[in-house]
PDB file of N, CA and C in Angstrom:
ATOM      1  N   MET A   1     -89.073-106.852  45.475  1.00  0.00           N
ATOM      2  CA  MET A   1     -89.782-106.257  46.729  1.00  0.00           C
ATOM      3  C   MET A   1     -89.024-106.297  48.148  1.00  0.00           C
ATOM      4  N   ALA A   2     -88.581-107.602  48.202  1.00  0.00           N
ATOM      5  CA  ALA A   2     -87.539-108.045  49.145  1.00  0.00           C
ATOM      6  C   ALA A   2     -86.129-105.993  49.054  1.00  0.00           C
ATOM      7  N   GLU A   3     -86.044-106.449  47.962  1.00  0.00           N
ATOM      8  CA  GLU A   3     -84.329-105.053  47.826  1.00  0.00           C
ATOM      9  C   GLU A   3     -85.265-103.827  48.376  1.00  0.00           C
ATOM     10  N   GLN A   4     -86.597-103.390  48.084  1.00  0.00           N
ATOM     11  CA  GLN A   4     -87.032-102.160  48.576  1.00  0.00           C
ATOM     12  C   GLN A   4     -86.721-102.246  50.291  1.00  0.00           C
ATOM     13  N   GLU A   5     -87.063-103.357  51.088  1.00  0.00           N
ATOM     14  CA  GLU A   5     -87.125-103.041  52.205  1.00  0.00           C
ATOM     15  C   GLU A   5     -86.018-103.240  52.967  1.00  0.00           C
ATOM     16  N   ASN A   6     -84.850-103.867  52.281  1.00  0.00           N
ATOM     17  CA  ASN A   6     -83.595-103.725  53.677  1.00  0.00           C
ATOM     18  C   ASN A   6     -82.740-102.350  52.626  1.00  0.00           C
ATOM     19  N   ALA A   7     -83.589-101.377  51.428  1.00  0.00           N
ATOM     20  CA  ALA A   7     -83.209-100.729  51.379  1.00  0.00           C
ATOM     21  C   ALA A   7     -82.163 -99.157  52.238  1.00  0.00           C
ATOM     22  N   VAL A   8     -81.114 -99.267  51.924  1.00  0.00           N
ATOM     23  CA  VAL A   8     -80.201 -97.998  52.562  1.00  0.00           C
ATOM     24  C   VAL A   8     -80.531 -97.154  51.501  1.00  0.00           C
ATOM     25  N   LEU A   9     -80.204 -95.599  52.106  1.00  0.00           N
ATOM     26  CA  LEU A   9     -80.222 -94.611  51.627  1.00  0.00           C
ATOM     27  C   LEU A   9     -79.127 -93.868  51.691  1.00  0.00           C
ATOM     28  N   ILE A  10     -78.246 -93.357  51.174  1.00  0.00           N
ATOM     29  CA  ILE A  10     -77.702 -92.813  50.860  1.00  0.00           C
ATOM     30  C   ILE A  10     -77.391 -91.197  50.545  1.00  0.00           C
ATOM     31  N   ARG A  11     -76.569 -90.327  50.998  1.00  0.00           N
ATOM     32  CA  ARG A  11     -76.322 -88.647  50.920  1.00  0.00           C
ATOM     33  C   ARG A  11     -75.778 -88.376  49.823  1.00  0.00           C
ATOM     34  N   ARG A  12     -75.845 -87.206  49.015  1.00  0.00           N
ATOM     35  CA  ARG A  12     -74.730 -87.310  47.738  1.00  0.00           C
ATOM     36  C   ARG A  12     -73.413 -86.377  48.341  1.00  0.00           C
ATOM     37  N   ARG A  13     -72.558 -86.262  49.041  1.00  0.00           N
ATOM     38  CA  ARG A  13     -71.664 -86.456  49.974  1.00  0.00           C
ATOM     39  C   ARG A  13     -71.323 -88.058  49.552  1.00  0.00           C
ATOM     40  N   GLU A  14     -71.831 -89.369  49.762  1.00  0.00           N
ATOM     41  CA  GLU A  14     -70.995 -90.241  49.991  1.00  0.00           C
ATOM     42  C   GLU A  14     -71.778 -90.934  48.052  1.00  0.00           C
ATOM     43  N   VAL A  15     -72.250 -90.370  47.909  1.00  0.00           N
ATOM     44  CA  VAL A  15     -72.775 -90.677  46.864  1.00  0.00           C
ATOM     45  C   VAL A  15     -71.253 -90.600  45.692  1.00  0.00           C
ATOM     46  N   GLN A  16     -70.887 -88.520  45.692  1.00  0.00           N
ATOM     47  CA  GLN A  16     -69.358 -88.252  45.101  1.00  0.00           C
ATOM     48  C   GLN A  16     -68.844 -89.060  45.867  1.00  0.00           C
ATOM     49  N   ARG A  17     -68.824 -89.840  46.839  1.00  0.00           N
ATOM     50  CA  ARG A  17     -67.277 -90.264  47.398  1.00  0.00           C
ATOM     51  C   ARG A  17     -67.189 -91.423  46.360  1.00  0.00           C
ATOM     52  N   ARG A  18     -68.606 -92.098  45.880  1.00  0.00           N
ATOM     53  CA  ARG A  18     -68.738 -93.824  45.845  1.00  0.00           C
ATOM     54  C   ARG A  18     -68.145 -93.945  44.001  1.00  0.00           C
ATOM     55  N   THR A  19     -68.710 -92.404  43.832  1.00  0.00           N
ATOM     56  CA  THR A  19     -69.047 -92.474  41.674  1.00  0.00           C
ATOM     57  C   THR A  19     -67.516 -91.633  41.870  1.00  0.00           C
ATOM     58  N   GLY A  20     -66.577 -90.631  42.555  1.00  0.00           N
ATOM     59  CA  GLY A  20     -65.552 -89.395  41.674  1.00  0.00           C
ATOM     60  C   GLY A  20     -65.995 -88.346  41.221  1.00  0.00           C
ATOM     61  N   LEU A  21     -67.936 -88.205  40.882  1.00  0.00           N
ATOM     62  CA  LEU A  21     -68.386 -87.330  40.113  1.00  0.00           C
ATOM     63  C   LEU A  21     -68.523 -86.188  40.819  1.00  0.00           C
ATOM     64  N   SER A  22     -68.739 -84.671  40.024  1.00  0.00           N
ATOM     65  CA  SER A  22     -68.615 -84.169  41.280  1.00  0.00           C
ATOM     66  C   SER A  22     -70.742 -83.395  41.304  1.00  0.00           C
ATOM     67  N   ARG A  23     -70.639 -82.393  42.539  1.00  0.00           N
ATOM     68  CA  ARG A  23     -72.138 -82.827  42.521  1.00  0.00           C
ATOM     69  C   ARG A  23     -73.887 -81.854  41.254  1.00  0.00           C
ATOM     70  N   THR A  24     -72.016 -81.438  40.441  1.00  0.00           N
ATOM     71  CA  THR A  24     -73.525 -80.783  38.907  1.00  0.00           C
ATOM     72  C   THR A  24     -73.126 -81.608  38.258  1.00  0.00           C
ATOM     73  N   THR A  25     -72.208 -82.736  38.334  1.00  0.00           N
ATOM     74  CA  THR A  25     -72.193 -83.711  37.466  1.00  0.00           C
ATOM     75  C   THR A  25     -73.494 -84.759  37.526  1.00  0.00           C
ATOM     76  N   ILE A  26     -73.331 -85.194  38.667  1.00  0.00           N
ATOM     77  CA  ILE A  26     -74.247 -85.953  38.610  1.00  0.00           C
ATOM     78  C   ILE A  26     -76.036 -85.673  38.501  1.00  0.00           C
ATOM     79  N   TYR A  27     -76.048 -84.294  39.063  1.00  0.00           N
ATOM     80  CA  TYR A  27     -77.197 -83.603  38.475  1.00  0.00           C
ATOM     81  C   TYR A  27     -77.798 -83.240  36.733  1.00  0.00           C
ATOM     82  N   GLU A  28     -76.531 -83.143  36.552  1.00  0.00           N
ATOM     83  CA  GLU A  28     -76.376 -83.616  35.052  1.00  0.00           C
ATOM     84  C   GLU A  28     -77.106 -84.508  34.164  1.00  0.00           C
ATOM     85  N   LYS A  29     -76.645 -86.128  34.490  1.00  0.00           N
ATOM     86  CA  LYS A  29     -76.540 -86.949  34.720  1.00  0.00           C
ATOM     87  C   LYS A  29     -78.264 -87.491  34.459  1.00  0.00           C
ATOM     88  N   ILE A  30     -78.868 -86.721  36.138  1.00  0.00           N
ATOM     89  CA  ILE A  30     -79.607 -86.905  36.223  1.00  0.00           C
ATOM     90  C   ILE A  30     -80.514 -86.788  35.029  1.00  0.00           C
ATOM     91  N   ALA A  31     -80.921 -85.666  34.546  1.00  0.00           N
ATOM     92  CA  ALA A  31     -81.242 -85.028  33.761  1.00  0.00           C
ATOM     93  C   ALA A  31     -81.194 -85.031  32.185  1.00  0.00           C
ATOM     94  N   ARG A  32     -80.046 -86.012  31.989  1.00  0.00           N
ATOM     95  CA  ARG A  32     -80.121 -87.076  30.823  1.00  0.00           C
ATOM     96  C   ARG A  32     -80.303 -88.495  31.014  1.00  0.00           C
ATOM     97  N   GLY A  33     -80.977 -88.826  32.206  1.00  0.00           N
ATOM     98  CA  GLY A  33     -81.573 -90.089  32.306  1.00  0.00           C
ATOM     99  C   GLY A  33     -79.508 -90.808  32.597  1.00  0.00           C
ATOM    100  N   GLU A  34     -78.911 -90.418  32.491  1.00  0.00           N
ATOM    101  CA  GLU A  34     -78.118 -91.370  32.727  1.00  0.00           C
ATOM    102  C   GLU A  34     -77.370 -92.025  34.317  1.00  0.00           C
ATOM    103  N   PHE A  35     -77.490 -91.020  34.675  1.00  0.00           N
ATOM    104  CA  PHE A  35     -77.715 -91.494  36.431  1.00  0.00           C
ATOM    105  C   PHE A  35     -79.230 -92.175  37.371  1.00  0.00           C
ATOM    106  N   PRO A  36     -78.251 -93.071  38.508  1.00  0.00           N
ATOM    107  CA  PRO A  36     -79.692 -92.686  39.283  1.00  0.00           C
ATOM    108  C   PRO A  36     -80.618 -91.723  39.571  1.00  0.00           C
ATOM    109  N   PRO A  37     -81.545 -90.806  39.719  1.00  0.00           N
ATOM    110  CA  PRO A  37     -82.072 -90.429  40.800  1.00  0.00           C
ATOM    111  C   PRO A  37     -82.157 -90.030  42.656  1.00  0.00           C
ATOM    112  N   PRO A  38     -82.615 -89.130  42.873  1.00  0.00           N
ATOM    113  CA  PRO A  38     -82.489 -88.911  43.999  1.00  0.00           C
ATOM    114  C   PRO A  38     -84.093 -89.540  44.164  1.00  0.00           C
ATOM    115  N   ILE A  39     -83.696 -89.676  45.623  1.00  0.00           N
ATOM    116  CA  ILE A  39     -85.108 -90.104  46.440  1.00  0.00           C
ATOM    117  C   ILE A  39     -85.915 -88.862  47.829  1.00  0.00           C
ATOM    118  N   ASN A  40     -86.810 -88.460  47.596  1.00  0.00           N
ATOM    119  CA  ASN A  40     -87.018 -87.086  48.124  1.00  0.00           C
ATOM    120  C   ASN A  40     -87.444 -87.147  49.756  1.00  0.00           C
ATOM    121  N   LEU A  41     -86.510 -86.890  50.455  1.00  0.00           N
ATOM    122  CA  LEU A  41     -86.761 -87.771  52.362  1.00  0.00           C
ATOM    123  C   LEU A  41     -87.438 -86.455  52.516  1.00  0.00           C
ATOM    124  N   GLY A  42     -87.206 -85.317  52.024  1.00  0.00           N
ATOM    125  CA  GLY A  42     -88.472 -84.316  53.289  1.00  0.00           C
ATOM    126  C   GLY A  42     -88.215 -82.300  51.903  1.00  0.00           C
ATOM    127  N   ALA A  43     -89.014 -81.726  52.739  1.00  0.00           N
ATOM    128  CA  ALA A  43     -89.006 -80.204  51.644  1.00  0.00           C
ATOM    129  C   ALA A  43     -87.452 -80.342  50.832  1.00  0.00           C
ATOM    130  N   ARG A  44     -85.957 -80.076  51.790  1.00  0.00           N
ATOM    131  CA  ARG A  44     -84.260 -80.143  51.323  1.00  0.00           C
ATOM    132  C   ARG A  44     -83.849 -81.542  51.656  1.00  0.00           C
ATOM    133  N   SER A  45     -84.629 -82.299  51.325  1.00  0.00           N
ATOM    134  CA  SER A  45     -83.672 -83.592  52.059  1.00  0.00           C
ATOM    135  C   SER A  45     -84.087 -84.358  50.530  1.00  0.00           C
ATOM    136  N   VAL A  46     -82.298 -85.016  50.364  1.00  0.00           N
ATOM    137  CA  VAL A  46     -82.614 -86.394  49.063  1.00  0.00           C
ATOM    138  C   VAL A  46     -81.450 -87.315  49.761  1.00  0.00           C
ATOM    139  N   GLY A  47     -82.407 -89.038  48.753  1.00  0.00           N
ATOM    140  CA  GLY A  47     -81.544 -89.193  49.295  1.00  0.00           C
ATOM    141  C   GLY A  47     -81.121 -89.960  48.416  1.00  0.00           C
ATOM    142  N   TRP A  48     -80.119 -91.473  47.949  1.00  0.00           N
ATOM    143  CA  TRP A  48     -80.340 -92.070  46.594  1.00  0.00           C
ATOM    144  C   TRP A  48     -80.182 -93.682  47.296  1.00  0.00           C
ATOM    145  N   VAL A  49     -80.794 -94.948  46.542  1.00  0.00           N
ATOM    146  CA  VAL A  49     -80.974 -95.868  46.990  1.00  0.00           C
ATOM    147  C   VAL A  49     -79.660 -96.333  46.307  1.00  0.00           C
ATOM    148  N   GLU A  50     -78.666 -96.577  48.021  1.00  0.00           N
ATOM    149  CA  GLU A  50     -77.049 -98.444  47.564  1.00  0.00           C
ATOM    150  C   GLU A  50     -77.217 -98.054  46.346  1.00  0.00           C
ATOM    151  N   ALA A  51     -78.194 -99.239  46.481  1.00  0.00           N
ATOM    152  CA  ALA A  51     -78.284-100.490  44.988  1.00  0.00           C
ATOM    153  C   ALA A  51     -77.852-100.037  44.192  1.00  0.00           C
ATOM    154  N   GLU A  52     -78.930 -99.128  43.364  1.00  0.00           N
ATOM    155  CA  GLU A  52     -78.820 -98.185  42.270  1.00  0.00           C
ATOM    156  C   GLU A  52     -77.813 -97.569  42.338  1.00  0.00           C
ATOM    157  N   ILE A  53     -77.102 -96.549  43.001  1.00  0.00           N
ATOM    158  CA  ILE A  53     -75.274 -96.364  42.855  1.00  0.00           C
ATOM    159  C   ILE A  53     -74.515 -97.510  43.054  1.00  0.00           C
ATOM    160  N   GLN A  54     -74.569 -98.431  43.421  1.00  0.00           N
ATOM    161  CA  GLN A  54     -73.950 -99.831  43.637  1.00  0.00           C
ATOM    162  C   GLN A  54     -73.244-100.283  42.139  1.00  0.00           C
ATOM    163  N   ARG A  55     -74.657-100.646  41.716  1.00  0.00           N
ATOM    164  CA  ARG A  55     -74.888-100.942  39.936  1.00  0.00           C
ATOM    165  C   ARG A  55     -74.530 -99.984  38.885  1.00  0.00           C
ATOM    166  N   TRP A  56     -74.769 -98.392  39.014  1.00  0.00           N
ATOM    167  CA  TRP A  56     -74.379 -97.811  38.183  1.00  0.00           C
ATOM    168  C   TRP A  56     -72.661 -98.303  38.564  1.00  0.00           C
ATOM    169  N   VAL A  57     -71.920 -97.651  39.080  1.00  0.00           N
ATOM    170  CA  VAL A  57     -70.894 -98.258  39.450  1.00  0.00           C
ATOM    171  C   VAL A  57     -70.043 -98.689  38.819  1.00  0.00           C
ATOM    172  N   THR A  58     -70.464 -99.796  39.136  1.00  0.00           N
ATOM    173  CA  THR A  58     -70.312-101.598  38.637  1.00  0.00           C
ATOM    174  C   THR A  58     -70.617-101.567  36.777  1.00  0.00           C
ATOM    175  N   GLY A  59     -71.305-101.009  36.895  1.00  0.00           N
ATOM    176  CA  GLY A  59     -71.708-101.208  35.339  1.00  0.00           C
ATOM    177  C   GLY A  59     -70.580 -99.651  34.289  1.00  0.00           C
ATOM    178  N   ARG A  60     -69.889 -98.542  35.214  1.00  0.00           N
ATOM    179  CA  ARG A  60     -68.917 -97.675  34.343  1.00  0.00           C
ATOM    180  C   ARG A  60     -67.901 -99.001  34.216  1.00  0.00           C
ATOM    181  N   ILE A  61     -67.206 -99.154  35.454  1.00  0.00           N
ATOM    182  CA  ILE A  61     -66.428-100.140  35.509  1.00  0.00           C
ATOM    183  C   ILE A  61     -66.563-101.591  34.570  1.00  0.00           C
ATOM    184  N   ASN A  62     -67.302-102.105  34.544  1.00  0.00           N
ATOM    185  CA  ASN A  62     -67.206-102.984  32.929  1.00  0.00           C
ATOM    186  C   ASN A  62     -67.358-102.789  31.585  1.00  0.00           C
ATOM    187  N   ALA A  63     -68.170-101.164  31.897  1.00  0.00           N
ATOM    188  CA  ALA A  63     -68.356-100.710  30.444  1.00  0.00           C
ATOM    189  C   ALA A  63     -66.313-100.525  29.545  1.00  0.00           C
ATOM    190  N   SER A  64     -66.201-100.002  31.448  1.00  0.00           N
ATOM    191  CA  SER A  64     -64.053 -99.830  30.791  1.00  0.00           C
ATOM    192  C   SER A  64     -63.944-100.445  30.306  1.00  0.00           C
ATOM    193  N   ARG A  65     -63.522-101.363  31.394  1.00  0.00           N
ATOM    194  CA  ARG A  65     -62.605-102.753  31.134  1.00  0.00           C
ATOM    195  C   ARG A  65     -63.254-103.394  29.823  1.00  0.00           C
ATOM    196  N   GLY A  66     -64.477-103.730  28.954  1.00  0.00           N
ATOM    197  CA  GLY A  66     -65.039-104.038  27.854  1.00  0.00           C
ATOM    198  C   GLY A  66     -64.216-103.498  26.988  1.00  0.00           C
ATOM    199  N   ALA A  67     -64.425-102.026  26.634  1.00  0.00           N
ATOM    200  CA  ALA A  67     -64.358-100.752  25.994  1.00  0.00           C
ATOM    201  C   ALA A  67     -62.525-100.693  25.833  1.00  0.00           C
ATOM    202  N   ALA A  68     -61.779-101.515  26.440  1.00  0.00           N
ATOM    203  CA  ALA A  68     -60.406-101.517  27.123  1.00  0.00           C
ATOM    204  C   ALA A  68     -59.318-102.662  26.381  1.00  0.00           C
ATOM    205  N   LYS A  69     -60.563-104.057  25.359  1.00  0.00           N
ATOM    206  CA  LYS A  69     -60.666-104.786  25.120  1.00  0.00           C
ATOM    207  C   LYS A  69     -60.555-104.703  23.802  1.00  0.00           C
TER     208      LYS A  69
END
């Protein structure tokens, strides 16, 4: 609950910048359940929970480093 109270939402361009993924790839990964889904902010607006994106990035780093061993 405390995490939700302090949640920061980021927009798609920032998600792209932080992950290095294209818009299409982000939505493909969401459809496959491989990426955090966005939060609806309005009729034509979505955002992502910053902490969820950071966990995803950290998971990719850990998976990459673990695979290199």
